[in-house]
Amino acid sequence: MPHYESEPKIDTSSATGDWRENLFGNGVVVVKGVLSPEKAQSYQQRMFQWLKTFPYGFKADNQSTWGKEHLLEHMK
Protein backbone atom coordinates (compact mmCIF):
# COMPACT_ATOMS: atom_id res chain seq x y z
CA MET A 1 0.00 0.00 0.00
CA PRO A 2 1.51 3.37 -0.95
CA HIS A 3 2.32 5.89 1.73
CA TYR A 4 0.93 8.72 -0.37
CA GLU A 5 -2.14 9.20 -2.51
CA SER A 6 0.10 11.09 -4.91
CA GLU A 7 3.80 10.39 -4.37
CA PRO A 8 5.83 13.60 -4.02
CA LYS A 9 8.22 14.36 -6.87
CA ILE A 10 11.73 15.71 -6.50
CA ASP A 11 12.94 18.06 -9.20
CA THR A 12 16.32 16.66 -10.23
CA SER A 13 16.71 18.89 -13.27
CA SER A 14 17.63 22.15 -11.56
CA ALA A 15 21.14 22.78 -10.26
CA THR A 16 21.46 22.90 -6.48
CA GLY A 17 25.21 23.41 -6.16
CA ASP A 18 25.43 21.00 -3.25
CA TRP A 19 25.46 17.29 -2.34
CA ARG A 20 22.10 16.69 -4.02
CA GLU A 21 23.70 16.93 -7.46
CA ASN A 22 25.92 13.93 -6.64
CA LEU A 23 22.95 12.05 -5.23
CA PHE A 24 20.71 12.68 -8.23
CA GLY A 25 23.48 12.22 -10.82
CA ASN A 26 25.44 9.32 -9.35
CA GLY A 27 23.05 7.72 -6.90
CA VAL A 28 25.45 8.23 -3.98
CA VAL A 29 26.76 11.07 -1.90
CA VAL A 30 29.66 11.37 0.53
CA VAL A 31 28.96 13.51 3.56
CA LYS A 32 32.25 13.93 5.38
CA GLY A 33 32.43 13.91 9.16
CA VAL A 34 29.09 12.19 9.76
CA LEU A 35 30.63 8.95 11.02
CA SER A 36 33.89 8.33 12.78
CA PRO A 37 36.33 6.16 10.82
CA GLU A 38 35.82 3.44 13.44
CA LYS A 39 32.04 3.46 13.06
CA ALA A 40 32.31 3.43 9.24
CA GLN A 41 34.66 0.43 9.42
CA SER A 42 32.26 -1.33 11.78
CA TYR A 43 29.37 -0.83 9.33
CA GLN A 44 31.53 -2.05 6.45
CA GLN A 45 32.49 -5.21 8.33
CA ARG A 46 28.84 -5.90 9.23
CA MET A 47 27.86 -5.48 5.57
CA PHE A 48 30.64 -7.85 4.47
CA GLN A 49 29.51 -10.45 7.03
CA TRP A 50 25.93 -10.16 5.76
CA LEU A 51 26.96 -10.46 2.10
CA LYS A 52 28.99 -13.59 2.85
CA THR A 53 25.83 -15.35 4.10
CA PHE A 54 24.50 -15.59 0.53
CA PRO A 55 25.59 -18.33 -1.91
CA TYR A 56 27.05 -16.03 -4.58
CA GLY A 57 30.74 -16.29 -3.72
CA PHE A 58 31.25 -12.83 -2.20
CA LYS A 59 34.54 -12.61 -0.29
CA ALA A 60 35.39 -9.44 1.62
CA ASP A 61 39.12 -10.01 1.17
CA ASN A 62 38.88 -10.50 -2.61
CA GLN A 63 37.75 -7.39 -4.51
CA SER A 64 37.29 -9.43 -7.68
CA THR A 65 34.15 -10.84 -5.99
CA TRP A 66 32.67 -7.39 -5.37
CA GLY A 67 30.91 -7.32 -8.78
CA LYS A 68 27.32 -7.95 -9.83
CA GLU A 69 27.69 -11.69 -10.22
CA HIS A 70 28.44 -12.03 -6.49
CA LEU A 71 25.71 -9.73 -5.14
CA LEU A 72 22.02 -10.11 -4.43
CA GLU A 73 19.71 -9.43 -7.37
CA HIS A 74 18.40 -6.10 -6.02
CA MET A 75 21.98 -4.84 -5.58
CA LYS A 76 23.03 -5.43 -9.20
C-alpha atoms as a PDB file:
ATOM      1  CA  MET A   1       0.000   0.000   0.000  1.00  0.00           C
ATOM      2  CA  PRO A   2       1.512   3.367  -0.946  1.00  0.00           C
ATOM      3  CA  HIS A   3       2.317   5.892   1.730  1.00  0.00           C
ATOM      4  CA  TYR A   4       0.932   8.724  -0.371  1.00  0.00           C
ATOM      5  CA  GLU A   5      -2.137   9.196  -2.515  1.00  0.00           C
ATOM      6  CA  SER A   6       0.098  11.086  -4.911  1.00  0.00           C
ATOM      7  CA  GLU A   7       3.802  10.391  -4.373  1.00  0.00           C
ATOM      8  CA  PRO A   8       5.829  13.604  -4.023  1.00  0.00           C
ATOM      9  CA  LYS A   9       8.216  14.360  -6.867  1.00  0.00           C
ATOM     10  CA  ILE A  10      11.734  15.709  -6.499  1.00  0.00           C
ATOM     11  CA  ASP A  11      12.938  18.060  -9.203  1.00  0.00           C
ATOM     12  CA  THR A  12      16.324  16.664 -10.230  1.00  0.00           C
ATOM     13  CA  SER A  13      16.710  18.894 -13.270  1.00  0.00           C
ATOM     14  CA  SER A  14      17.628  22.152 -11.556  1.00  0.00           C
ATOM     15  CA  ALA A  15      21.145  22.781 -10.256  1.00  0.00           C
ATOM     16  CA  THR A  16      21.462  22.898  -6.484  1.00  0.00           C
ATOM     17  CA  GLY A  17      25.212  23.414  -6.162  1.00  0.00           C
ATOM     18  CA  ASP A  18      25.427  20.998  -3.248  1.00  0.00           C
ATOM     19  CA  TRP A  19      25.463  17.290  -2.336  1.00  0.00           C
ATOM     20  CA  ARG A  20      22.095  16.694  -4.019  1.00  0.00           C
ATOM     21  CA  GLU A  21      23.696  16.931  -7.462  1.00  0.00           C
ATOM     22  CA  ASN A  22      25.918  13.935  -6.639  1.00  0.00           C
ATOM     23  CA  LEU A  23      22.955  12.046  -5.226  1.00  0.00           C
ATOM     24  CA  PHE A  24      20.712  12.681  -8.232  1.00  0.00           C
ATOM     25  CA  GLY A  25      23.475  12.225 -10.821  1.00  0.00           C
ATOM     26  CA  ASN A  26      25.440   9.317  -9.355  1.00  0.00           C
ATOM     27  CA  GLY A  27      23.053   7.722  -6.896  1.00  0.00           C
ATOM     28  CA  VAL A  28      25.451   8.228  -3.981  1.00  0.00           C
ATOM     29  CA  VAL A  29      26.758  11.068  -1.901  1.00  0.00           C
ATOM     30  CA  VAL A  30      29.656  11.371   0.527  1.00  0.00           C
ATOM     31  CA  VAL A  31      28.963  13.509   3.561  1.00  0.00           C
ATOM     32  CA  LYS A  32      32.251  13.928   5.382  1.00  0.00           C
ATOM     33  CA  GLY A  33      32.434  13.914   9.160  1.00  0.00           C
ATOM     34  CA  VAL A  34      29.087  12.187   9.763  1.00  0.00           C
ATOM     35  CA  LEU A  35      30.634   8.945  11.020  1.00  0.00           C
ATOM     36  CA  SER A  36      33.889   8.327  12.783  1.00  0.00           C
ATOM     37  CA  PRO A  37      36.327   6.158  10.822  1.00  0.00           C
ATOM     38  CA  GLU A  38      35.824   3.438  13.442  1.00  0.00           C
ATOM     39  CA  LYS A  39      32.041   3.464  13.057  1.00  0.00           C
ATOM     40  CA  ALA A  40      32.307   3.433   9.244  1.00  0.00           C
ATOM     41  CA  GLN A  41      34.656   0.434   9.415  1.00  0.00           C
ATOM     42  CA  SER A  42      32.255  -1.328  11.784  1.00  0.00           C
ATOM     43  CA  TYR A  43      29.374  -0.831   9.333  1.00  0.00           C
ATOM     44  CA  GLN A  44      31.532  -2.054   6.453  1.00  0.00           C
ATOM     45  CA  GLN A  45      32.488  -5.213   8.330  1.00  0.00           C
ATOM     46  CA  ARG A  46      28.844  -5.902   9.231  1.00  0.00           C
ATOM     47  CA  MET A  47      27.865  -5.480   5.568  1.00  0.00           C
ATOM     48  CA  PHE A  48      30.642  -7.849   4.475  1.00  0.00           C
ATOM     49  CA  GLN A  49      29.515 -10.447   7.026  1.00  0.00           C
ATOM     50  CA  TRP A  50      25.930 -10.161   5.763  1.00  0.00           C
ATOM     51  CA  LEU A  51      26.961 -10.465   2.099  1.00  0.00           C
ATOM     52  CA  LYS A  52      28.992 -13.588   2.851  1.00  0.00           C
ATOM     53  CA  THR A  53      25.835 -15.346   4.098  1.00  0.00           C
ATOM     54  CA  PHE A  54      24.503 -15.593   0.529  1.00  0.00           C
ATOM     55  CA  PRO A  55      25.586 -18.327  -1.907  1.00  0.00           C
ATOM     56  CA  TYR A  56      27.049 -16.034  -4.578  1.00  0.00           C
ATOM     57  CA  GLY A  57      30.740 -16.292  -3.721  1.00  0.00           C
ATOM     58  CA  PHE A  58      31.251 -12.833  -2.198  1.00  0.00           C
ATOM     59  CA  LYS A  59      34.541 -12.605  -0.289  1.00  0.00           C
ATOM     60  CA  ALA A  60      35.391  -9.441   1.620  1.00  0.00           C
ATOM     61  CA  ASP A  61      39.125 -10.007   1.171  1.00  0.00           C
ATOM     62  CA  ASN A  62      38.883 -10.498  -2.609  1.00  0.00           C
ATOM     63  CA  GLN A  63      37.748  -7.391  -4.509  1.00  0.00           C
ATOM     64  CA  SER A  64      37.290  -9.433  -7.682  1.00  0.00           C
ATOM     65  CA  THR A  65      34.152 -10.842  -5.993  1.00  0.00           C
ATOM     66  CA  TRP A  66      32.666  -7.389  -5.374  1.00  0.00           C
ATOM     67  CA  GLY A  67      30.912  -7.320  -8.777  1.00  0.00           C
ATOM     68  CA  LYS A  68      27.319  -7.947  -9.835  1.00  0.00           C
ATOM     69  CA  GLU A  69      27.689 -11.687 -10.219  1.00  0.00           C
ATOM     70  CA  HIS A  70      28.444 -12.028  -6.487  1.00  0.00           C
ATOM     71  CA  LEU A  71      25.709  -9.727  -5.143  1.00  0.00           C
ATOM     72  CA  LEU A  72      22.022 -10.106  -4.432  1.00  0.00           C
ATOM     73  CA  GLU A  73      19.708  -9.430  -7.367  1.00  0.00           C
ATOM     74  CA  HIS A  74      18.396  -6.100  -6.016  1.00  0.00           C
ATOM     75  CA  MET A  75      21.982  -4.839  -5.576  1.00  0.00           C
ATOM     76  CA  LYS A  76      23.029  -5.432  -9.198  1.00  0.00           C
END
